[in-house]
């Protein structure tokens, strides 16, 4: 697969998924039936295949340099757990004041911080792989302990203080922990073991020169497979409610752009350099769509407006963040001109080996 054609491949995968969902309606029911503990097995397989090659590239002996960077860690926590949920809350109420179900679904999306697909966007944008692994792990821990509490605050407490309509959220810590274990724990352990065993058997040079290039394409195969599944599962709903999807998409577009831009600017102000600023931006902008959809369906039902809002999240996030990868690579030399790690302005999107 030619890397320069990545945007076209992604758009093609989206189109294939929509067509499958529209013209093979039984496919959605079959895929939806393959669930374990509320987690879609086909989507889980796609995400695991997508994440493993990227996490196998991480040099885990460099993790200490990331965990010692308090500026990066504090900035990530503030953006992900203070700024992000509050921004989505404000955008949901500003753009959907008359649509409480969609509004609630968007707020749930804002609470689910990304722990999976962000590793792909970060890698495509030449971000810091070690920093991405640390920030994703940090967000996963906070997700387990903070998701339910923040859901209660933004759906029941804060609207009540403001005299607005409130809602309830029923989600267990166990469900969130299972989500984190599957979508982060398994590929992280697999990537770590590959690095440790591979370097002991082959040496670092041969591991990175021979093994990693062989598995690298599977990250994109997993990404495309996951995109096809997402659009196939929800294609009929999206096509049946185009105006609703458009209204949900507007605050999502604003959210992704603002969070990514805030992350880049924050990284530049903190002098984190291009790679870590990029990682900060993408981990702040991405969301854990699988958790958001599972919570919305479990609490409000598969046919609910909350579930549709959760579904629209990744459908908007995928093309927008692909676009932001190109923006990041194009703006990097201007924003970080003295950083030797800044990639040269590209003429095409590329994936590092």
C-alpha atoms as a PDB file:
ATOM      1  CA  UNK A   1       0.000   0.000   0.000  1.00  0.00           C
ATOM      2  CA  UNK A   2       1.473   3.352  -1.050  1.00  0.00           C
ATOM      3  CA  UNK A   3       1.582   5.722   1.950  1.00  0.00           C
ATOM      4  CA  UNK A   4       0.936   8.773  -0.217  1.00  0.00           C
ATOM      5  CA  UNK A   5      -2.471   7.330  -0.982  1.00  0.00           C
ATOM      6  CA  UNK A   6      -3.428   7.022   2.692  1.00  0.00           C
ATOM      7  CA  UNK A   7      -6.207   9.664   2.630  1.00  0.00           C
ATOM      8  CA  UNK A   8      -7.682   8.025  -0.471  1.00  0.00           C
ATOM      9  CA  UNK A   9      -7.495   4.574   1.143  1.00  0.00           C
ATOM     10  CA  UNK A  10      -9.285   5.879   4.234  1.00  0.00           C
ATOM     11  CA  UNK A  11     -12.004   7.594   2.210  1.00  0.00           C
ATOM     12  CA  UNK A  12     -12.376   4.383   0.200  1.00  0.00           C
ATOM     13  CA  UNK A  13     -12.719   2.331   3.398  1.00  0.00           C
ATOM     14  CA  UNK A  14     -15.393   4.733   4.621  1.00  0.00           C
ATOM     15  CA  UNK A  15     -17.247   4.396   1.323  1.00  0.00           C
ATOM     16  CA  UNK A  16     -17.016   0.594   1.340  1.00  0.00           C
ATOM     17  CA  UNK A  17     -18.342   0.497   4.890  1.00  0.00           C
ATOM     18  CA  UNK A  18     -21.293   2.745   4.057  1.00  0.00           C
ATOM     19  CA  UNK A  19     -22.173   0.635   1.022  1.00  0.00           C
ATOM     20  CA  UNK A  20     -21.960  -2.588   3.010  1.00  0.00           C
ATOM     21  CA  UNK A  21     -24.147  -1.146   5.762  1.00  0.00           C
ATOM     22  CA  UNK A  22     -26.703   0.090   3.245  1.00  0.00           C
ATOM     23  CA  UNK A  23     -26.912  -2.843   0.847  1.00  0.00           C
ATOM     24  CA  UNK A  24     -26.024  -5.738   3.164  1.00  0.00           C
ATOM     25  CA  UNK A  25     -28.179  -4.824   6.196  1.00  0.00           C
ATOM     26  CA  UNK A  26     -27.817  -8.234   7.799  1.00  0.00           C
ATOM     27  CA  UNK A  27     -24.056  -7.651   8.069  1.00  0.00           C
ATOM     28  CA  UNK A  28     -24.579  -5.052  10.782  1.00  0.00           C
ATOM     29  CA  UNK A  29     -26.703  -7.453  12.824  1.00  0.00           C
ATOM     30  CA  UNK A  30     -24.126 -10.229  12.448  1.00  0.00           C
ATOM     31  CA  UNK A  31     -21.229  -7.986  13.476  1.00  0.00           C
ATOM     32  CA  UNK A  32     -23.204  -6.493  16.358  1.00  0.00           C
ATOM     33  CA  UNK A  33     -23.852 -10.009  17.626  1.00  0.00           C
ATOM     34  CA  UNK A  34     -20.134 -10.734  17.997  1.00  0.00           C
ATOM     35  CA  UNK A  35     -19.691  -9.090  21.357  1.00  0.00           C
ATOM     36  CA  UNK A  36     -18.012 -10.189  24.584  1.00  0.00           C
ATOM     37  CA  UNK A  37     -18.652  -8.138  27.697  1.00  0.00           C
ATOM     38  CA  UNK A  38     -20.146  -5.348  25.600  1.00  0.00           C
ATOM     39  CA  UNK A  39     -17.033  -5.153  23.387  1.00  0.00           C
ATOM     40  CA  UNK A  40     -17.312  -5.774  19.648  1.00  0.00           C
ATOM     41  CA  UNK A  41     -14.925  -8.615  18.816  1.00  0.00           C
ATOM     42  CA  UNK A  42     -14.400  -7.622  15.131  1.00  0.00           C
ATOM     43  CA  UNK A  43     -13.613  -4.002  16.053  1.00  0.00           C
ATOM     44  CA  UNK A  44     -11.349  -5.189  18.867  1.00  0.00           C
ATOM     45  CA  UNK A  45      -9.411  -7.358  16.401  1.00  0.00           C
ATOM     46  CA  UNK A  46      -9.043  -4.434  14.004  1.00  0.00           C
ATOM     47  CA  UNK A  47      -7.783  -2.101  16.727  1.00  0.00           C
ATOM     48  CA  UNK A  48      -5.361  -4.675  18.126  1.00  0.00           C
ATOM     49  CA  UNK A  49      -3.885  -5.343  14.670  1.00  0.00           C
ATOM     50  CA  UNK A  50      -3.643  -1.572  14.170  1.00  0.00           C
ATOM     51  CA  UNK A  51      -1.945  -0.803  17.492  1.00  0.00           C
ATOM     52  CA  UNK A  52       0.519  -3.696  17.770  1.00  0.00           C
ATOM     53  CA  UNK A  53       3.059  -2.613  15.101  1.00  0.00           C
ATOM     54  CA  UNK A  54       3.189   0.931  16.467  1.00  0.00           C
ATOM     55  CA  UNK A  55       3.667  -0.222  20.064  1.00  0.00           C
ATOM     56  CA  UNK A  56       6.313  -2.728  18.927  1.00  0.00           C
ATOM     57  CA  UNK A  57       8.295   0.267  17.591  1.00  0.00           C
ATOM     58  CA  UNK A  58       8.392   2.000  20.963  1.00  0.00           C
ATOM     59  CA  UNK A  59      11.815   2.012  22.613  1.00  0.00           C
ATOM     60  CA  UNK A  60      10.696   1.195  26.128  1.00  0.00           C
ATOM     61  CA  UNK A  61      14.107   1.958  27.605  1.00  0.00           C
ATOM     62  CA  UNK A  62      13.381   5.629  26.812  1.00  0.00           C
ATOM     63  CA  UNK A  63      10.115   5.728  28.763  1.00  0.00           C
ATOM     64  CA  UNK A  64      11.852   7.198  31.828  1.00  0.00           C
ATOM     65  CA  UNK A  65      12.664  10.383  29.920  1.00  0.00           C
ATOM     66  CA  UNK A  66       8.944  10.862  29.292  1.00  0.00           C
ATOM     67  CA  UNK A  67       7.745  10.097  32.810  1.00  0.00           C
ATOM     68  CA  UNK A  68      10.254  12.651  34.085  1.00  0.00           C
ATOM     69  CA  UNK A  69       8.801  15.395  31.879  1.00  0.00           C
ATOM     70  CA  UNK A  70       6.297  16.943  34.300  1.00  0.00           C
ATOM     71  CA  UNK A  71       5.371  19.696  31.854  1.00  0.00           C
ATOM     72  CA  UNK A  72       4.144  17.130  29.343  1.00  0.00           C
ATOM     73  CA  UNK A  73       2.304  14.970  31.881  1.00  0.00           C
ATOM     74  CA  UNK A  74       0.550  17.858  33.637  1.00  0.00           C
ATOM     75  CA  UNK A  75      -0.379  19.495  30.318  1.00  0.00           C
ATOM     76  CA  UNK A  76      -1.860  16.221  29.076  1.00  0.00           C
ATOM     77  CA  UNK A  77      -3.920  15.688  32.232  1.00  0.00           C
ATOM     78  CA  UNK A  78      -5.244  19.259  32.148  1.00  0.00           C
ATOM     79  CA  UNK A  79      -6.168  19.090  28.457  1.00  0.00           C
ATOM     80  CA  UNK A  80      -7.737  15.637  28.645  1.00  0.00           C
ATOM     81  CA  UNK A  81      -9.595  15.779  31.928  1.00  0.00           C
ATOM     82  CA  UNK A  82     -10.361  19.467  32.468  1.00  0.00           C
ATOM     83  CA  UNK A  83     -10.386  21.241  29.109  1.00  0.00           C
ATOM     84  CA  UNK A  84     -11.712  18.431  26.879  1.00  0.00           C
ATOM     85  CA  UNK A  85     -14.843  17.425  28.831  1.00  0.00           C
ATOM     86  CA  UNK A  86     -15.719  21.059  29.582  1.00  0.00           C
ATOM     87  CA  UNK A  87     -15.267  22.103  25.945  1.00  0.00           C
ATOM     88  CA  UNK A  88     -17.511  19.272  24.692  1.00  0.00           C
ATOM     89  CA  UNK A  89     -20.111  20.135  27.331  1.00  0.00           C
ATOM     90  CA  UNK A  90     -20.188  23.770  26.180  1.00  0.00           C
ATOM     91  CA  UNK A  91     -20.247  22.880  22.467  1.00  0.00           C
ATOM     92  CA  UNK A  92     -23.010  20.301  22.958  1.00  0.00           C
ATOM     93  CA  UNK A  93     -25.225  22.816  24.744  1.00  0.00           C
ATOM     94  CA  UNK A  94     -24.366  25.613  22.292  1.00  0.00           C
ATOM     95  CA  UNK A  95     -25.128  23.652  19.117  1.00  0.00           C
ATOM     96  CA  UNK A  96     -27.762  21.154  20.328  1.00  0.00           C
ATOM     97  CA  UNK A  97     -29.871  22.986  22.941  1.00  0.00           C
ATOM     98  CA  UNK A  98     -33.077  21.499  21.489  1.00  0.00           C
ATOM     99  CA  UNK A  99     -31.788  17.928  21.081  1.00  0.00           C
ATOM    100  CA  UNK A 100     -31.105  16.494  24.550  1.00  0.00           C
ATOM    101  CA  UNK A 101     -30.386  12.939  23.383  1.00  0.00           C
ATOM    102  CA  UNK A 102     -27.702  13.985  20.905  1.00  0.00           C
ATOM    103  CA  UNK A 103     -26.345  16.477  23.406  1.00  0.00           C
ATOM    104  CA  UNK A 104     -25.933  13.782  26.048  1.00  0.00           C
ATOM    105  CA  UNK A 105     -24.256  11.484  23.522  1.00  0.00           C
ATOM    106  CA  UNK A 106     -21.719  14.163  22.634  1.00  0.00           C
ATOM    107  CA  UNK A 107     -20.923  14.826  26.282  1.00  0.00           C
ATOM    108  CA  UNK A 108     -20.237  11.111  26.733  1.00  0.00           C
ATOM    109  CA  UNK A 109     -17.883  11.207  23.721  1.00  0.00           C
ATOM    110  CA  UNK A 110     -16.030  14.114  25.337  1.00  0.00           C
ATOM    111  CA  UNK A 111     -15.496  12.099  28.511  1.00  0.00           C
ATOM    112  CA  UNK A 112     -14.009   9.068  26.729  1.00  0.00           C
ATOM    113  CA  UNK A 113     -10.348   9.929  26.181  1.00  0.00           C
ATOM    114  CA  UNK A 114      -8.536   8.177  23.368  1.00  0.00           C
ATOM    115  CA  UNK A 115      -6.435   5.116  24.216  1.00  0.00           C
ATOM    116  CA  UNK A 116      -6.287   3.320  20.860  1.00  0.00           C
ATOM    117  CA  UNK A 117      -6.441   4.976  17.434  1.00  0.00           C
ATOM    118  CA  UNK A 118      -4.405   7.967  18.635  1.00  0.00           C
ATOM    119  CA  UNK A 119      -1.210   5.922  18.331  1.00  0.00           C
ATOM    120  CA  UNK A 120      -1.751   5.773  14.564  1.00  0.00           C
ATOM    121  CA  UNK A 121      -2.349   9.516  14.158  1.00  0.00           C
ATOM    122  CA  UNK A 122       0.673  10.244  16.341  1.00  0.00           C
ATOM    123  CA  UNK A 123       2.889   7.921  14.311  1.00  0.00           C
ATOM    124  CA  UNK A 124       1.706   9.328  10.986  1.00  0.00           C
ATOM    125  CA  UNK A 125       2.467  12.846  12.224  1.00  0.00           C
ATOM    126  CA  UNK A 126       5.968  11.805  13.422  1.00  0.00           C
ATOM    127  CA  UNK A 127       5.117  12.379  17.066  1.00  0.00           C
ATOM    128  CA  UNK A 128       7.034  10.939  19.999  1.00  0.00           C
ATOM    129  CA  UNK A 129       6.179   7.238  20.231  1.00  0.00           C
ATOM    130  CA  UNK A 130       7.433   6.831  23.782  1.00  0.00           C
ATOM    131  CA  UNK A 131       5.474   9.882  24.910  1.00  0.00           C
ATOM    132  CA  UNK A 132       2.349   8.550  23.188  1.00  0.00           C
ATOM    133  CA  UNK A 133       2.660   5.225  25.030  1.00  0.00           C
ATOM    134  CA  UNK A 134       3.011   6.993  28.382  1.00  0.00           C
ATOM    135  CA  UNK A 135       0.179   9.479  27.821  1.00  0.00           C
ATOM    136  CA  UNK A 136      -2.171   6.772  26.559  1.00  0.00           C
ATOM    137  CA  UNK A 137      -1.417   4.663  29.626  1.00  0.00           C
ATOM    138  CA  UNK A 138      -1.905   7.688  31.896  1.00  0.00           C
ATOM    139  CA  UNK A 139      -5.242   8.520  30.284  1.00  0.00           C
ATOM    140  CA  UNK A 140      -6.363   4.920  30.612  1.00  0.00           C
ATOM    141  CA  UNK A 141      -5.786   4.992  34.368  1.00  0.00           C
ATOM    142  CA  UNK A 142      -7.679   8.255  34.745  1.00  0.00           C
ATOM    143  CA  UNK A 143     -10.440   6.871  32.547  1.00  0.00           C
ATOM    144  CA  UNK A 144     -11.050   4.009  34.946  1.00  0.00           C
ATOM    145  CA  UNK A 145     -11.272   6.232  38.019  1.00  0.00           C
ATOM    146  CA  UNK A 146     -12.723   9.442  36.565  1.00  0.00           C
ATOM    147  CA  UNK A 147     -15.124   8.570  33.729  1.00  0.00           C
ATOM    148  CA  UNK A 148     -18.190   7.756  35.829  1.00  0.00           C
ATOM    149  CA  UNK A 149     -17.624  10.672  38.222  1.00  0.00           C
ATOM    150  CA  UNK A 150     -17.209  13.179  35.401  1.00  0.00           C
ATOM    151  CA  UNK A 151     -20.261  11.763  33.647  1.00  0.00           C
ATOM    152  CA  UNK A 152     -22.307  12.383  36.775  1.00  0.00           C
ATOM    153  CA  UNK A 153     -20.902  15.912  37.083  1.00  0.00           C
ATOM    154  CA  UNK A 154     -21.444  17.024  33.473  1.00  0.00           C
ATOM    155  CA  UNK A 155     -24.814  15.327  32.978  1.00  0.00           C
ATOM    156  CA  UNK A 156     -26.472  15.807  36.364  1.00  0.00           C
ATOM    157  CA  UNK A 157     -24.627  18.275  38.604  1.00  0.00           C
ATOM    158  CA  UNK A 158     -23.394  21.129  36.393  1.00  0.00           C
ATOM    159  CA  UNK A 159     -26.591  21.402  34.299  1.00  0.00           C
ATOM    160  CA  UNK A 160     -28.578  21.424  37.539  1.00  0.00           C
ATOM    161  CA  UNK A 161     -26.506  24.309  38.884  1.00  0.00           C
ATOM    162  CA  UNK A 162     -27.162  26.227  35.662  1.00  0.00           C
ATOM    163  CA  UNK A 163     -30.888  25.453  35.683  1.00  0.00           C
ATOM    164  CA  UNK A 164     -30.626  23.281  32.585  1.00  0.00           C
ATOM    165  CA  UNK A 165     -32.005  19.819  31.844  1.00  0.00           C
ATOM    166  CA  UNK A 166     -30.148  16.989  33.577  1.00  0.00           C
ATOM    167  CA  UNK A 167     -29.522  13.363  32.602  1.00  0.00           C
ATOM    168  CA  UNK A 168     -28.268  10.191  34.289  1.00  0.00           C
ATOM    169  CA  UNK A 169     -25.407   7.885  33.309  1.00  0.00           C
ATOM    170  CA  UNK A 170     -25.197   4.235  34.327  1.00  0.00           C
ATOM    171  CA  UNK A 171     -21.705   2.842  33.791  1.00  0.00           C
ATOM    172  CA  UNK A 172     -19.589   0.534  35.913  1.00  0.00           C
ATOM    173  CA  UNK A 173     -15.900   0.848  36.680  1.00  0.00           C
ATOM    174  CA  UNK A 174     -15.556  -2.785  35.628  1.00  0.00           C
ATOM    175  CA  UNK A 175     -16.859  -2.036  32.140  1.00  0.00           C
ATOM    176  CA  UNK A 176     -14.389   0.812  31.728  1.00  0.00           C
ATOM    177  CA  UNK A 177     -11.512  -1.288  33.071  1.00  0.00           C
ATOM    178  CA  UNK A 178     -12.338  -4.097  30.622  1.00  0.00           C
ATOM    179  CA  UNK A 179     -12.340  -1.593  27.765  1.00  0.00           C
ATOM    180  CA  UNK A 180      -8.919  -0.305  28.815  1.00  0.00           C
ATOM    181  CA  UNK A 181      -7.538  -3.828  29.248  1.00  0.00           C
ATOM    182  CA  UNK A 182      -8.619  -4.945  25.772  1.00  0.00           C
ATOM    183  CA  UNK A 183      -7.793  -1.851  23.741  1.00  0.00           C
ATOM    184  CA  UNK A 184      -4.594  -0.840  25.511  1.00  0.00           C
ATOM    185  CA  UNK A 185      -3.374  -3.628  27.763  1.00  0.00           C
ATOM    186  CA  UNK A 186      -3.194  -6.430  25.185  1.00  0.00           C
ATOM    187  CA  UNK A 187      -1.383  -4.544  22.379  1.00  0.00           C
ATOM    188  CA  UNK A 188       0.887  -2.763  24.879  1.00  0.00           C
ATOM    189  CA  UNK A 189       2.032  -6.040  26.423  1.00  0.00           C
ATOM    190  CA  UNK A 190       2.433  -7.586  22.950  1.00  0.00           C
ATOM    191  CA  UNK A 191       4.493  -4.641  21.732  1.00  0.00           C
ATOM    192  CA  UNK A 192       6.648  -4.612  24.864  1.00  0.00           C
ATOM    193  CA  UNK A 193       7.356  -8.354  24.664  1.00  0.00           C
ATOM    194  CA  UNK A 194       8.167  -8.083  20.959  1.00  0.00           C
ATOM    195  CA  UNK A 195      10.703  -5.362  21.655  1.00  0.00           C
ATOM    196  CA  UNK A 196      12.324  -7.182  24.596  1.00  0.00           C
ATOM    197  CA  UNK A 197      12.444 -10.636  22.979  1.00  0.00           C
ATOM    198  CA  UNK A 198      13.264  -9.310  19.510  1.00  0.00           C
ATOM    199  CA  UNK A 199      16.240  -7.299  20.705  1.00  0.00           C
ATOM    200  CA  UNK A 200      17.587 -10.201  22.769  1.00  0.00           C
ATOM    201  CA  UNK A 201      17.317 -12.636  19.861  1.00  0.00           C
ATOM    202  CA  UNK A 202      18.194 -10.368  16.922  1.00  0.00           C
ATOM    203  CA  UNK A 203      19.802  -7.295  18.448  1.00  0.00           C
ATOM    204  CA  UNK A 204      18.328  -3.794  18.214  1.00  0.00           C
ATOM    205  CA  UNK A 205      19.707  -3.033  14.767  1.00  0.00           C
ATOM    206  CA  UNK A 206      18.287  -6.126  13.068  1.00  0.00           C
ATOM    207  CA  UNK A 207      15.008  -5.861  15.017  1.00  0.00           C
ATOM    208  CA  UNK A 208      14.431  -2.315  13.776  1.00  0.00           C
ATOM    209  CA  UNK A 209      15.879  -2.832  10.307  1.00  0.00           C
ATOM    210  CA  UNK A 210      14.230  -6.173   9.432  1.00  0.00           C
ATOM    211  CA  UNK A 211      11.373  -7.084  11.785  1.00  0.00           C
ATOM    212  CA  UNK A 212       9.662  -3.696  12.195  1.00  0.00           C
ATOM    213  CA  UNK A 213       9.393  -2.945   8.453  1.00  0.00           C
ATOM    214  CA  UNK A 214       7.734  -6.328   7.958  1.00  0.00           C
ATOM    215  CA  UNK A 215       4.966  -5.685  10.492  1.00  0.00           C
ATOM    216  CA  UNK A 216       4.590  -1.932   9.834  1.00  0.00           C
ATOM    217  CA  UNK A 217       1.968  -2.248   7.042  1.00  0.00           C
ATOM    218  CA  UNK A 218      -0.361  -4.143   9.373  1.00  0.00           C
ATOM    219  CA  UNK A 219      -1.014  -0.969  11.335  1.00  0.00           C
ATOM    220  CA  UNK A 220      -2.674   0.563   8.282  1.00  0.00           C
ATOM    221  CA  UNK A 221      -4.435  -2.681   7.374  1.00  0.00           C
ATOM    222  CA  UNK A 222      -5.924  -2.772  10.876  1.00  0.00           C
ATOM    223  CA  UNK A 223      -6.928   0.880  10.616  1.00  0.00           C
ATOM    224  CA  UNK A 224      -8.706   0.389   7.293  1.00  0.00           C
ATOM    225  CA  UNK A 225     -10.395  -2.802   8.511  1.00  0.00           C
ATOM    226  CA  UNK A 226     -11.676  -0.984  11.605  1.00  0.00           C
ATOM    227  CA  UNK A 227     -12.985   1.927   9.530  1.00  0.00           C
ATOM    228  CA  UNK A 228     -14.863  -0.412   7.197  1.00  0.00           C
ATOM    229  CA  UNK A 229     -16.453  -2.143  10.192  1.00  0.00           C
ATOM    230  CA  UNK A 230     -17.474   1.117  11.881  1.00  0.00           C
ATOM    231  CA  UNK A 231     -19.167   2.460   8.795  1.00  0.00           C
ATOM    232  CA  UNK A 232     -20.757  -0.907   7.972  1.00  0.00           C
ATOM    233  CA  UNK A 233     -22.195  -1.212  11.477  1.00  0.00           C
ATOM    234  CA  UNK A 234     -23.722   2.258  11.456  1.00  0.00           C
ATOM    235  CA  UNK A 235     -24.031   3.044   7.762  1.00  0.00           C
ATOM    236  CA  UNK A 236     -27.810   2.665   7.624  1.00  0.00           C
ATOM    237  CA  UNK A 237     -28.305   4.955  10.618  1.00  0.00           C
ATOM    238  CA  UNK A 238     -26.027   7.595   9.151  1.00  0.00           C
ATOM    239  CA  UNK A 239     -27.743   7.521   5.755  1.00  0.00           C
ATOM    240  CA  UNK A 240     -31.212   7.464   7.344  1.00  0.00           C
ATOM    241  CA  UNK A 241     -30.544  10.575   9.472  1.00  0.00           C
ATOM    242  CA  UNK A 242     -28.346  12.857   7.340  1.00  0.00           C
ATOM    243  CA  UNK A 243     -29.596  16.120   8.888  1.00  0.00           C
ATOM    244  CA  UNK A 244     -29.119  14.811  12.412  1.00  0.00           C
ATOM    245  CA  UNK A 245     -25.618  13.623  11.521  1.00  0.00           C
ATOM    246  CA  UNK A 246     -24.818  17.070  10.111  1.00  0.00           C
ATOM    247  CA  UNK A 247     -25.975  18.800  13.288  1.00  0.00           C
ATOM    248  CA  UNK A 248     -23.936  16.432  15.465  1.00  0.00           C
ATOM    249  CA  UNK A 249     -20.912  16.860  13.204  1.00  0.00           C
ATOM    250  CA  UNK A 250     -20.649  20.640  13.663  1.00  0.00           C
ATOM    251  CA  UNK A 251     -19.722  20.646  17.387  1.00  0.00           C
ATOM    252  CA  UNK A 252     -17.486  17.630  16.804  1.00  0.00           C
ATOM    253  CA  UNK A 253     -15.551  19.460  14.088  1.00  0.00           C
ATOM    254  CA  UNK A 254     -15.123  22.440  16.393  1.00  0.00           C
ATOM    255  CA  UNK A 255     -14.048  20.166  19.249  1.00  0.00           C
ATOM    256  CA  UNK A 256     -11.345  18.305  17.314  1.00  0.00           C
ATOM    257  CA  UNK A 257      -9.926  21.492  15.815  1.00  0.00           C
ATOM    258  CA  UNK A 258      -9.860  23.403  19.118  1.00  0.00           C
ATOM    259  CA  UNK A 259      -8.381  20.542  21.145  1.00  0.00           C
ATOM    260  CA  UNK A 260      -5.687  19.800  18.569  1.00  0.00           C
ATOM    261  CA  UNK A 261      -4.804  23.472  18.171  1.00  0.00           C
ATOM    262  CA  UNK A 262      -4.725  23.993  21.939  1.00  0.00           C
ATOM    263  CA  UNK A 263      -2.405  21.007  22.303  1.00  0.00           C
ATOM    264  CA  UNK A 264       0.031  22.277  19.663  1.00  0.00           C
ATOM    265  CA  UNK A 265       0.062  25.806  21.085  1.00  0.00           C
ATOM    266  CA  UNK A 266       0.491  24.497  24.641  1.00  0.00           C
ATOM    267  CA  UNK A 267       3.402  22.306  23.598  1.00  0.00           C
ATOM    268  CA  UNK A 268       5.062  25.222  21.822  1.00  0.00           C
ATOM    269  CA  UNK A 269       4.594  27.501  24.844  1.00  0.00           C
ATOM    270  CA  UNK A 270       6.079  24.836  27.117  1.00  0.00           C
ATOM    271  CA  UNK A 271       8.965  24.291  24.659  1.00  0.00           C
ATOM    272  CA  UNK A 272       8.273  20.594  24.356  1.00  0.00           C
ATOM    273  CA  UNK A 273       9.530  20.433  20.780  1.00  0.00           C
ATOM    274  CA  UNK A 274       7.714  19.219  17.689  1.00  0.00           C
ATOM    275  CA  UNK A 275       7.441  15.511  18.501  1.00  0.00           C
ATOM    276  CA  UNK A 276       6.031  15.831  22.019  1.00  0.00           C
ATOM    277  CA  UNK A 277       3.827  18.815  21.127  1.00  0.00           C
ATOM    278  CA  UNK A 278       2.326  16.724  18.326  1.00  0.00           C
ATOM    279  CA  UNK A 279       1.756  13.827  20.704  1.00  0.00           C
ATOM    280  CA  UNK A 280       0.136  16.161  23.219  1.00  0.00           C
ATOM    281  CA  UNK A 281      -2.167  17.564  20.515  1.00  0.00           C
ATOM    282  CA  UNK A 282      -3.358  14.229  19.154  1.00  0.00           C
ATOM    283  CA  UNK A 283      -3.868  12.596  22.563  1.00  0.00           C
ATOM    284  CA  UNK A 284      -5.958  15.636  23.536  1.00  0.00           C
ATOM    285  CA  UNK A 285      -8.036  15.659  20.340  1.00  0.00           C
ATOM    286  CA  UNK A 286      -8.791  11.927  20.058  1.00  0.00           C
ATOM    287  CA  UNK A 287     -11.581  10.053  21.812  1.00  0.00           C
ATOM    288  CA  UNK A 288     -12.266   6.462  22.865  1.00  0.00           C
ATOM    289  CA  UNK A 289     -15.209   5.896  20.536  1.00  0.00           C
ATOM    290  CA  UNK A 290     -15.650   2.244  21.511  1.00  0.00           C
ATOM    291  CA  UNK A 291     -16.201   3.139  25.163  1.00  0.00           C
ATOM    292  CA  UNK A 292     -18.496   6.069  24.305  1.00  0.00           C
ATOM    293  CA  UNK A 293     -20.674   3.932  22.021  1.00  0.00           C
ATOM    294  CA  UNK A 294     -20.786   1.036  24.505  1.00  0.00           C
ATOM    295  CA  UNK A 295     -21.836   3.338  27.369  1.00  0.00           C
ATOM    296  CA  UNK A 296     -24.469   5.100  25.248  1.00  0.00           C
ATOM    297  CA  UNK A 297     -25.973   1.826  24.052  1.00  0.00           C
ATOM    298  CA  UNK A 298     -25.820   0.219  27.488  1.00  0.00           C
ATOM    299  CA  UNK A 299     -27.507   3.172  29.183  1.00  0.00           C
ATOM    300  CA  UNK A 300     -29.940   4.462  26.560  1.00  0.00           C
ATOM    301  CA  UNK A 301     -30.336   1.638  24.013  1.00  0.00           C
ATOM    302  CA  UNK A 302     -28.958   0.881  20.547  1.00  0.00           C
ATOM    303  CA  UNK A 303     -31.643   2.924  18.765  1.00  0.00           C
ATOM    304  CA  UNK A 304     -31.251   5.985  20.996  1.00  0.00           C
ATOM    305  CA  UNK A 305     -30.111   9.431  19.942  1.00  0.00           C
ATOM    306  CA  UNK A 306     -27.276   9.131  22.451  1.00  0.00           C
ATOM    307  CA  UNK A 307     -25.988   6.053  20.623  1.00  0.00           C
ATOM    308  CA  UNK A 308     -26.233   7.793  17.239  1.00  0.00           C
ATOM    309  CA  UNK A 309     -24.202  10.729  18.579  1.00  0.00           C
ATOM    310  CA  UNK A 310     -21.581   8.278  19.830  1.00  0.00           C
ATOM    311  CA  UNK A 311     -21.466   6.620  16.420  1.00  0.00           C
ATOM    312  CA  UNK A 312     -21.040   9.914  14.569  1.00  0.00           C
ATOM    313  CA  UNK A 313     -17.996  10.674  16.760  1.00  0.00           C
ATOM    314  CA  UNK A 314     -15.514   8.323  15.047  1.00  0.00           C
ATOM    315  CA  UNK A 315     -17.097   8.907  11.641  1.00  0.00           C
ATOM    316  CA  UNK A 316     -16.107  12.569  11.952  1.00  0.00           C
ATOM    317  CA  UNK A 317     -12.915  11.981  13.937  1.00  0.00           C
ATOM    318  CA  UNK A 318     -11.250   9.685  11.389  1.00  0.00           C
ATOM    319  CA  UNK A 319     -11.194  12.049   8.380  1.00  0.00           C
ATOM    320  CA  UNK A 320     -10.614  15.147  10.533  1.00  0.00           C
ATOM    321  CA  UNK A 321      -7.588  13.718  12.348  1.00  0.00           C
ATOM    322  CA  UNK A 322      -6.182  12.373   9.087  1.00  0.00           C
ATOM    323  CA  UNK A 323      -6.394  15.936   7.828  1.00  0.00           C
ATOM    324  CA  UNK A 324      -4.744  17.225  11.012  1.00  0.00           C
ATOM    325  CA  UNK A 325      -1.848  14.825  10.428  1.00  0.00           C
ATOM    326  CA  UNK A 326      -1.145  16.673   7.176  1.00  0.00           C
ATOM    327  CA  UNK A 327      -1.603  20.027   8.911  1.00  0.00           C
ATOM    328  CA  UNK A 328       0.842  19.002  11.633  1.00  0.00           C
ATOM    329  CA  UNK A 329       3.496  17.931   9.140  1.00  0.00           C
ATOM    330  CA  UNK A 330       3.009  21.122   7.100  1.00  0.00           C
ATOM    331  CA  UNK A 331       3.048  23.545  10.053  1.00  0.00           C
ATOM    332  CA  UNK A 332       5.819  21.801  11.990  1.00  0.00           C
ATOM    333  CA  UNK A 333       8.738  23.542  10.235  1.00  0.00           C
ATOM    334  CA  UNK A 334       7.096  26.934  10.833  1.00  0.00           C
ATOM    335  CA  UNK A 335       6.145  26.396  14.460  1.00  0.00           C
ATOM    336  CA  UNK A 336       9.315  24.537  15.472  1.00  0.00           C
ATOM    337  CA  UNK A 337      11.978  25.809  13.035  1.00  0.00           C
ATOM    338  CA  UNK A 338      14.934  25.188  15.353  1.00  0.00           C
ATOM    339  CA  UNK A 339      13.917  21.704  16.493  1.00  0.00           C
ATOM    340  CA  UNK A 340      16.029  19.074  14.674  1.00  0.00           C
ATOM    341  CA  UNK A 341      13.269  16.499  15.256  1.00  0.00           C
ATOM    342  CA  UNK A 342      10.801  18.526  13.172  1.00  0.00           C
ATOM    343  CA  UNK A 343      10.093  16.685   9.900  1.00  0.00           C
ATOM    344  CA  UNK A 344      10.641  18.583   6.671  1.00  0.00           C
ATOM    345  CA  UNK A 345       7.461  19.920   5.092  1.00  0.00           C
ATOM    346  CA  UNK A 346       6.145  16.855   3.256  1.00  0.00           C
ATOM    347  CA  UNK A 347       4.668  16.548  -0.193  1.00  0.00           C
ATOM    348  CA  UNK A 348       2.874  13.400   0.847  1.00  0.00           C
ATOM    349  CA  UNK A 349       1.678  11.697   4.021  1.00  0.00           C
ATOM    350  CA  UNK A 350       4.123   9.029   5.176  1.00  0.00           C
ATOM    351  CA  UNK A 351       4.523   6.496   7.947  1.00  0.00           C
ATOM    352  CA  UNK A 352       7.839   6.090   9.684  1.00  0.00           C
ATOM    353  CA  UNK A 353       9.362   2.637   9.573  1.00  0.00           C
END
